[in-house]
Amino acid sequence: MKQAIVSDGSFNHEYSRETQEKLRALRERIQARYADQIASAGIVKRFLLWLIIEREFRRERKKILPSPQTLYTSGEQL
């Protein structure tokens, strides 16, 4: 098979089963850290904790996913 640059490679990588499992585990670990605080918080504090959790998730997610400028090829690995 001839190699070519794939236009939706980052999408396919991000939504692959393996990557989704890693991201799900990451979210669960972060939420577990804040579980006690969420359980005893009111609605405003819960919202603020949700914002903190989302910010931390996005920061850690960047470490798992490759750069948006990464090029993906079809066929054999180089």
PDB file of N, CA and C in Angstrom:
ATOM      1  N   MET A   1       0.846  -1.177   0.000  1.00  0.00           N
ATOM      2  CA  MET A   1       0.000   0.000   0.000  1.00  0.00           C
ATOM      3  C   MET A   1       0.890   1.239   0.000  1.00  0.00           C
ATOM      4  N   LYS A   2       0.576   2.167  -0.849  1.00  0.00           N
ATOM      5  CA  LYS A   2       1.332   3.404  -0.937  1.00  0.00           C
ATOM      6  C   LYS A   2       1.011   4.280   0.275  1.00  0.00           C
ATOM      7  N   GLN A   3       2.042   4.862   0.867  1.00  0.00           N
ATOM      8  CA  GLN A   3       1.832   5.721   2.018  1.00  0.00           C
ATOM      9  C   GLN A   3       1.350   7.091   1.575  1.00  0.00           C
ATOM     10  N   ALA A   4       0.470   7.650   2.366  1.00  0.00           N
ATOM     11  CA  ALA A   4      -0.038   8.993   2.109  1.00  0.00           C
ATOM     12  C   ALA A   4      -0.347   9.650   3.448  1.00  0.00           C
ATOM     13  N   ILE A   5      -0.309  10.957   3.481  1.00  0.00           N
ATOM     14  CA  ILE A   5      -0.681  11.679   4.691  1.00  0.00           C
ATOM     15  C   ILE A   5      -2.195  11.616   4.826  1.00  0.00           C
ATOM     16  N   VAL A   6      -2.650  11.274   6.019  1.00  0.00           N
ATOM     17  CA  VAL A   6      -4.080  11.102   6.279  1.00  0.00           C
ATOM     18  C   VAL A   6      -4.607  12.383   6.922  1.00  0.00           C
ATOM     19  N   SER A   7      -5.670  12.922   6.372  1.00  0.00           N
ATOM     20  CA  SER A   7      -6.178  14.203   6.858  1.00  0.00           C
ATOM     21  C   SER A   7      -6.883  14.089   8.204  1.00  0.00           C
ATOM     22  N   ASP A   8      -7.481  12.960   8.516  1.00  0.00           N
ATOM     23  CA  ASP A   8      -8.220  12.835   9.773  1.00  0.00           C
ATOM     24  C   ASP A   8      -7.493  11.941  10.771  1.00  0.00           C
ATOM     25  N   GLY A   9      -6.182  11.867  10.679  1.00  0.00           N
ATOM     26  CA  GLY A   9      -5.396  11.009  11.555  1.00  0.00           C
ATOM     27  C   GLY A   9      -5.509  11.375  13.022  1.00  0.00           C
ATOM     28  N   SER A  10      -5.486  12.666  13.331  1.00  0.00           N
ATOM     29  CA  SER A  10      -5.582  13.074  14.738  1.00  0.00           C
ATOM     30  C   SER A  10      -6.954  12.730  15.307  1.00  0.00           C
ATOM     31  N   PHE A  11      -7.998  12.881  14.507  1.00  0.00           N
ATOM     32  CA  PHE A  11      -9.354  12.515  14.937  1.00  0.00           C
ATOM     33  C   PHE A  11      -9.422  11.021  15.213  1.00  0.00           C
ATOM     34  N   ASN A  12      -8.894  10.214  14.281  1.00  0.00           N
ATOM     35  CA  ASN A  12      -8.910   8.766  14.456  1.00  0.00           C
ATOM     36  C   ASN A  12      -8.115   8.345  15.685  1.00  0.00           C
ATOM     37  N   HIS A  13      -6.994   9.010  15.918  1.00  0.00           N
ATOM     38  CA  HIS A  13      -6.178   8.684  17.085  1.00  0.00           C
ATOM     39  C   HIS A  13      -6.907   9.058  18.371  1.00  0.00           C
ATOM     40  N   GLU A  14      -7.440  10.254  18.431  1.00  0.00           N
ATOM     41  CA  GLU A  14      -8.098  10.722  19.654  1.00  0.00           C
ATOM     42  C   GLU A  14      -9.316   9.875  20.005  1.00  0.00           C
ATOM     43  N   TYR A  15     -10.051   9.425  18.994  1.00  0.00           N
ATOM     44  CA  TYR A  15     -11.276   8.680  19.257  1.00  0.00           C
ATOM     45  C   TYR A  15     -11.097   7.167  19.128  1.00  0.00           C
ATOM     46  N   SER A  16      -9.845   6.720  19.119  1.00  0.00           N
ATOM     47  CA  SER A  16      -9.602   5.278  19.109  1.00  0.00           C
ATOM     48  C   SER A  16      -9.961   4.709  20.480  1.00  0.00           C
ATOM     49  N   ARG A  17     -10.218   3.431  20.508  1.00  0.00           N
ATOM     50  CA  ARG A  17     -10.620   2.772  21.754  1.00  0.00           C
ATOM     51  C   ARG A  17      -9.543   2.939  22.840  1.00  0.00           C
ATOM     52  N   GLU A  18      -8.290   2.753  22.480  1.00  0.00           N
ATOM     53  CA  GLU A  18      -7.209   2.828  23.463  1.00  0.00           C
ATOM     54  C   GLU A  18      -7.089   4.224  24.063  1.00  0.00           C
ATOM     55  N   THR A  19      -7.135   5.229  23.209  1.00  0.00           N
ATOM     56  CA  THR A  19      -7.007   6.603  23.699  1.00  0.00           C
ATOM     57  C   THR A  19      -8.214   6.982  24.542  1.00  0.00           C
ATOM     58  N   GLN A  20      -9.396   6.577  24.134  1.00  0.00           N
ATOM     59  CA  GLN A  20     -10.598   6.871  24.918  1.00  0.00           C
ATOM     60  C   GLN A  20     -10.535   6.212  26.292  1.00  0.00           C
ATOM     61  N   GLU A  21      -9.993   5.005  26.377  1.00  0.00           N
ATOM     62  CA  GLU A  21      -9.843   4.334  27.669  1.00  0.00           C
ATOM     63  C   GLU A  21      -8.861   5.087  28.557  1.00  0.00           C
ATOM     64  N   LYS A  22      -7.771   5.577  27.979  1.00  0.00           N
ATOM     65  CA  LYS A  22      -6.804   6.360  28.751  1.00  0.00           C
ATOM     66  C   LYS A  22      -7.430   7.650  29.265  1.00  0.00           C
ATOM     67  N   LEU A  23      -8.196   8.323  28.406  1.00  0.00           N
ATOM     68  CA  LEU A  23      -8.830   9.575  28.810  1.00  0.00           C
ATOM     69  C   LEU A  23      -9.905   9.335  29.866  1.00  0.00           C
ATOM     70  N   ARG A  24     -10.650   8.247  29.735  1.00  0.00           N
ATOM     71  CA  ARG A  24     -11.679   7.908  30.721  1.00  0.00           C
ATOM     72  C   ARG A  24     -11.029   7.626  32.081  1.00  0.00           C
ATOM     73  N   ALA A  25      -9.928   6.875  32.079  1.00  0.00           N
ATOM     74  CA  ALA A  25      -9.218   6.584  33.328  1.00  0.00           C
ATOM     75  C   ALA A  25      -8.656   7.868  33.943  1.00  0.00           C
ATOM     76  N   LEU A  26      -8.154   8.756  33.107  1.00  0.00           N
ATOM     77  CA  LEU A  26      -7.635  10.034  33.582  1.00  0.00           C
ATOM     78  C   LEU A  26      -8.742  10.834  34.260  1.00  0.00           C
ATOM     79  N   ARG A  27      -9.893  10.931  33.610  1.00  0.00           N
ATOM     80  CA  ARG A  27     -11.017  11.687  34.187  1.00  0.00           C
ATOM     81  C   ARG A  27     -11.453  11.080  35.518  1.00  0.00           C
ATOM     82  N   GLU A  28     -11.507   9.755  35.582  1.00  0.00           N
ATOM     83  CA  GLU A  28     -11.920   9.086  36.822  1.00  0.00           C
ATOM     84  C   GLU A  28     -10.928   9.348  37.951  1.00  0.00           C
ATOM     85  N   ARG A  29      -9.617   9.336  37.647  1.00  0.00           N
ATOM     86  CA  ARG A  29      -8.609   9.618  38.672  1.00  0.00           C
ATOM     87  C   ARG A  29      -8.751  11.045  39.198  1.00  0.00           C
ATOM     88  N   ILE A  30      -8.964  11.976  38.296  1.00  0.00           N
ATOM     89  CA  ILE A  30      -9.096  13.383  38.712  1.00  0.00           C
ATOM     90  C   ILE A  30     -10.370  13.564  39.537  1.00  0.00           C
ATOM     91  N   GLN A  31     -11.478  12.990  39.088  1.00  0.00           N
ATOM     92  CA  GLN A  31     -12.728  13.122  39.837  1.00  0.00           C
ATOM     93  C   GLN A  31     -12.641  12.448  41.201  1.00  0.00           C
ATOM     94  N   ALA A  32     -11.916  11.345  41.292  1.00  0.00           N
ATOM     95  CA  ALA A  32     -11.764  10.653  42.573  1.00  0.00           C
ATOM     96  C   ALA A  32     -11.022  11.526  43.579  1.00  0.00           C
ATOM     97  N   ARG A  33     -10.067  12.330  43.097  1.00  0.00           N
ATOM     98  CA  ARG A  33      -9.328  13.228  43.979  1.00  0.00           C
ATOM     99  C   ARG A  33     -10.239  14.275  44.618  1.00  0.00           C
ATOM    100  N   TYR A  34     -11.276  14.665  43.903  1.00  0.00           N
ATOM    101  CA  TYR A  34     -12.160  15.726  44.387  1.00  0.00           C
ATOM    102  C   TYR A  34     -13.494  15.184  44.925  1.00  0.00           C
ATOM    103  N   ALA A  35     -13.661  13.878  45.014  1.00  0.00           N
ATOM    104  CA  ALA A  35     -14.939  13.269  45.382  1.00  0.00           C
ATOM    105  C   ALA A  35     -15.429  13.718  46.756  1.00  0.00           C
ATOM    106  N   ASP A  36     -14.535  13.761  47.732  1.00  0.00           N
ATOM    107  CA  ASP A  36     -14.948  14.172  49.080  1.00  0.00           C
ATOM    108  C   ASP A  36     -15.422  15.615  49.103  1.00  0.00           C
ATOM    109  N   GLN A  37     -14.718  16.476  48.390  1.00  0.00           N
ATOM    110  CA  GLN A  37     -15.106  17.890  48.352  1.00  0.00           C
ATOM    111  C   GLN A  37     -16.446  18.066  47.645  1.00  0.00           C
ATOM    112  N   ILE A  38     -16.665  17.319  46.563  1.00  0.00           N
ATOM    113  CA  ILE A  38     -17.920  17.425  45.822  1.00  0.00           C
ATOM    114  C   ILE A  38     -19.093  16.954  46.676  1.00  0.00           C
ATOM    115  N   ALA A  39     -18.883  15.880  47.428  1.00  0.00           N
ATOM    116  CA  ALA A  39     -19.957  15.316  48.245  1.00  0.00           C
ATOM    117  C   ALA A  39     -20.451  16.286  49.314  1.00  0.00           C
ATOM    118  N   SER A  40     -19.561  17.116  49.832  1.00  0.00           N
ATOM    119  CA  SER A  40     -19.956  18.026  50.905  1.00  0.00           C
ATOM    120  C   SER A  40     -20.177  19.461  50.425  1.00  0.00           C
ATOM    121  N   ALA A  41     -20.161  19.694  49.132  1.00  0.00           N
ATOM    122  CA  ALA A  41     -20.252  21.055  48.596  1.00  0.00           C
ATOM    123  C   ALA A  41     -21.682  21.408  48.190  1.00  0.00           C
ATOM    124  N   GLY A  42     -21.936  22.701  48.214  1.00  0.00           N
ATOM    125  CA  GLY A  42     -23.196  23.212  47.693  1.00  0.00           C
ATOM    126  C   GLY A  42     -23.108  23.363  46.183  1.00  0.00           C
ATOM    127  N   ILE A  43     -24.151  23.920  45.587  1.00  0.00           N
ATOM    128  CA  ILE A  43     -24.217  23.980  44.130  1.00  0.00           C
ATOM    129  C   ILE A  43     -23.136  24.888  43.534  1.00  0.00           C
ATOM    130  N   VAL A  44     -22.862  26.022  44.162  1.00  0.00           N
ATOM    131  CA  VAL A  44     -21.846  26.942  43.638  1.00  0.00           C
ATOM    132  C   VAL A  44     -20.459  26.329  43.762  1.00  0.00           C
ATOM    133  N   LYS A  45     -20.189  25.730  44.899  1.00  0.00           N
ATOM    134  CA  LYS A  45     -18.879  25.086  45.105  1.00  0.00           C
ATOM    135  C   LYS A  45     -18.707  23.910  44.145  1.00  0.00           C
ATOM    136  N   ARG A  46     -19.789  23.157  43.880  1.00  0.00           N
ATOM    137  CA  ARG A  46     -19.713  22.053  42.918  1.00  0.00           C
ATOM    138  C   ARG A  46     -19.364  22.563  41.527  1.00  0.00           C
ATOM    139  N   PHE A  47     -19.971  23.666  41.145  1.00  0.00           N
ATOM    140  CA  PHE A  47     -19.677  24.241  39.846  1.00  0.00           C
ATOM    141  C   PHE A  47     -18.211  24.666  39.761  1.00  0.00           C
ATOM    142  N   LEU A  48     -17.704  25.304  40.806  1.00  0.00           N
ATOM    143  CA  LEU A  48     -16.294  25.712  40.828  1.00  0.00           C
ATOM    144  C   LEU A  48     -15.371  24.495  40.788  1.00  0.00           C
ATOM    145  N   LEU A  49     -15.719  23.443  41.502  1.00  0.00           N
ATOM    146  CA  LEU A  49     -14.922  22.221  41.465  1.00  0.00           C
ATOM    147  C   LEU A  49     -14.973  21.589  40.078  1.00  0.00           C
ATOM    148  N   TRP A  50     -16.131  21.639  39.430  1.00  0.00           N
ATOM    149  CA  TRP A  50     -16.247  21.114  38.072  1.00  0.00           C
ATOM    150  C   TRP A  50     -15.304  21.864  37.132  1.00  0.00           C
ATOM    151  N   LEU A  51     -15.236  23.192  37.282  1.00  0.00           N
ATOM    152  CA  LEU A  51     -14.318  23.986  36.460  1.00  0.00           C
ATOM    153  C   LEU A  51     -12.861  23.597  36.715  1.00  0.00           C
ATOM    154  N   ILE A  52     -12.523  23.382  37.965  1.00  0.00           N
ATOM    155  CA  ILE A  52     -11.162  22.978  38.319  1.00  0.00           C
ATOM    156  C   ILE A  52     -10.837  21.617  37.721  1.00  0.00           C
ATOM    157  N   ILE A  53     -11.778  20.689  37.832  1.00  0.00           N
ATOM    158  CA  ILE A  53     -11.582  19.340  37.288  1.00  0.00           C
ATOM    159  C   ILE A  53     -11.406  19.396  35.775  1.00  0.00           C
ATOM    160  N   GLU A  54     -12.232  20.158  35.093  1.00  0.00           N
ATOM    161  CA  GLU A  54     -12.131  20.273  33.635  1.00  0.00           C
ATOM    162  C   GLU A  54     -10.811  20.899  33.206  1.00  0.00           C
ATOM    163  N   ARG A  55     -10.375  21.909  33.923  1.00  0.00           N
ATOM    164  CA  ARG A  55      -9.094  22.542  33.591  1.00  0.00           C
ATOM    165  C   ARG A  55      -7.939  21.558  33.774  1.00  0.00           C
ATOM    166  N   GLU A  56      -7.971  20.816  34.874  1.00  0.00           N
ATOM    167  CA  GLU A  56      -6.923  19.826  35.126  1.00  0.00           C
ATOM    168  C   GLU A  56      -6.968  18.708  34.080  1.00  0.00           C
ATOM    169  N   PHE A  57      -8.184  18.284  33.704  1.00  0.00           N
ATOM    170  CA  PHE A  57      -8.326  17.233  32.686  1.00  0.00           C
ATOM    171  C   PHE A  57      -7.752  17.694  31.348  1.00  0.00           C
ATOM    172  N   ARG A  58      -8.083  18.919  30.928  1.00  0.00           N
ATOM    173  CA  ARG A  58      -7.567  19.434  29.658  1.00  0.00           C
ATOM    174  C   ARG A  58      -6.039  19.529  29.675  1.00  0.00           C
ATOM    175  N   ARG A  59      -5.485  19.946  30.810  1.00  0.00           N
ATOM    176  CA  ARG A  59      -4.034  20.060  30.929  1.00  0.00           C
ATOM    177  C   ARG A  59      -3.370  18.680  30.806  1.00  0.00           C
ATOM    178  N   GLU A  60      -3.901  17.694  31.498  1.00  0.00           N
ATOM    179  CA  GLU A  60      -3.333  16.343  31.448  1.00  0.00           C
ATOM    180  C   GLU A  60      -3.609  15.666  30.107  1.00  0.00           C
ATOM    181  N   ARG A  61      -4.727  16.004  29.487  1.00  0.00           N
ATOM    182  CA  ARG A  61      -5.093  15.440  28.184  1.00  0.00           C
ATOM    183  C   ARG A  61      -4.073  15.832  27.119  1.00  0.00           C
ATOM    184  N   LYS A  62      -3.582  17.048  27.213  1.00  0.00           N
ATOM    185  CA  LYS A  62      -2.564  17.517  26.260  1.00  0.00           C
ATOM    186  C   LYS A  62      -1.302  16.670  26.330  1.00  0.00           C
ATOM    187  N   LYS A  63      -1.019  16.107  27.505  1.00  0.00           N
ATOM    188  CA  LYS A  63       0.162  15.261  27.656  1.00  0.00           C
ATOM    189  C   LYS A  63      -0.039  13.900  27.003  1.00  0.00           C
ATOM    190  N   ILE A  64      -1.280  13.440  26.933  1.00  0.00           N
ATOM    191  CA  ILE A  64      -1.578  12.131  26.345  1.00  0.00           C
ATOM    192  C   ILE A  64      -1.670  12.217  24.826  1.00  0.00           C
ATOM    193  N   LEU A  65      -2.344  13.237  24.337  1.00  0.00           N
ATOM    194  CA  LEU A  65      -2.557  13.363  22.898  1.00  0.00           C
ATOM    195  C   LEU A  65      -1.346  14.006  22.225  1.00  0.00           C
ATOM    196  N   PRO A  66      -1.056  13.615  20.990  1.00  0.00           N
ATOM    197  CA  PRO A  66       0.054  14.244  20.272  1.00  0.00           C
ATOM    198  C   PRO A  66      -0.300  15.673  19.866  1.00  0.00           C
ATOM    199  N   SER A  67       0.685  16.385  19.431  1.00  0.00           N
ATOM    200  CA  SER A  67       0.520  17.766  18.992  1.00  0.00           C
ATOM    201  C   SER A  67      -0.484  17.847  17.846  1.00  0.00           C
ATOM    202  N   PRO A  68      -1.264  18.919  17.769  1.00  0.00           N
ATOM    203  CA  PRO A  68      -2.206  19.085  16.652  1.00  0.00           C
ATOM    204  C   PRO A  68      -1.506  19.171  15.291  1.00  0.00           C
ATOM    205  N   GLN A  69      -0.223  19.506  15.283  1.00  0.00           N
ATOM    206  CA  GLN A  69       0.517  19.607  14.035  1.00  0.00           C
ATOM    207  C   GLN A  69       1.101  18.269  13.577  1.00  0.00           C
ATOM    208  N   THR A  70       0.859  17.195  14.326  1.00  0.00           N
ATOM    209  CA  THR A  70       1.382  15.893  13.980  1.00  0.00           C
ATOM    210  C   THR A  70       0.775  15.413  12.665  1.00  0.00           C
ATOM    211  N   LEU A  71       1.612  14.856  11.813  1.00  0.00           N
ATOM    212  CA  LEU A  71       1.138  14.285  10.557  1.00  0.00           C
ATOM    213  C   LEU A  71       0.986  12.780  10.703  1.00  0.00           C
ATOM    214  N   TYR A  72      -0.068  12.216  10.143  1.00  0.00           N
ATOM    215  CA  TYR A  72      -0.333  10.787  10.201  1.00  0.00           C
ATOM    216  C   TYR A  72      -0.254  10.225   8.787  1.00  0.00           C
ATOM    217  N   THR A  73       0.290   9.034   8.687  1.00  0.00           N
ATOM    218  CA  THR A  73       0.379   8.385   7.370  1.00  0.00           C
ATOM    219  C   THR A  73      -0.416   7.096   7.367  1.00  0.00           C
ATOM    220  N   SER A  74      -0.839   6.711   6.203  1.00  0.00           N
ATOM    221  CA  SER A  74      -1.512   5.424   6.030  1.00  0.00           C
ATOM    222  C   SER A  74      -0.463   4.373   5.699  1.00  0.00           C
ATOM    223  N   GLY A  75      -0.788   3.132   5.869  1.00  0.00           N
ATOM    224  CA  GLY A  75       0.141   2.059   5.481  1.00  0.00           C
ATOM    225  C   GLY A  75       1.149   1.740   6.556  1.00  0.00           C
ATOM    226  N   GLU A  76       2.280   1.191   6.142  1.00  0.00           N
ATOM    227  CA  GLU A  76       3.331   0.758   7.058  1.00  0.00           C
ATOM    228  C   GLU A  76       3.910   1.942   7.817  1.00  0.00           C
ATOM    229  N   GLN A  77       4.393   1.653   9.013  1.00  0.00           N
ATOM    230  CA  GLN A  77       5.054   2.694   9.796  1.00  0.00           C
ATOM    231  C   GLN A  77       6.422   2.975   9.197  1.00  0.00           C
ATOM    232  N   LEU A  78       6.827   4.217   9.258  1.00  0.00           N
ATOM    233  CA  LEU A  78       8.125   4.602   8.707  1.00  0.00           C
ATOM    234  C   LEU A  78       9.263   4.130   9.574  1.00  0.00           C
TER     235      LEU A  78
END
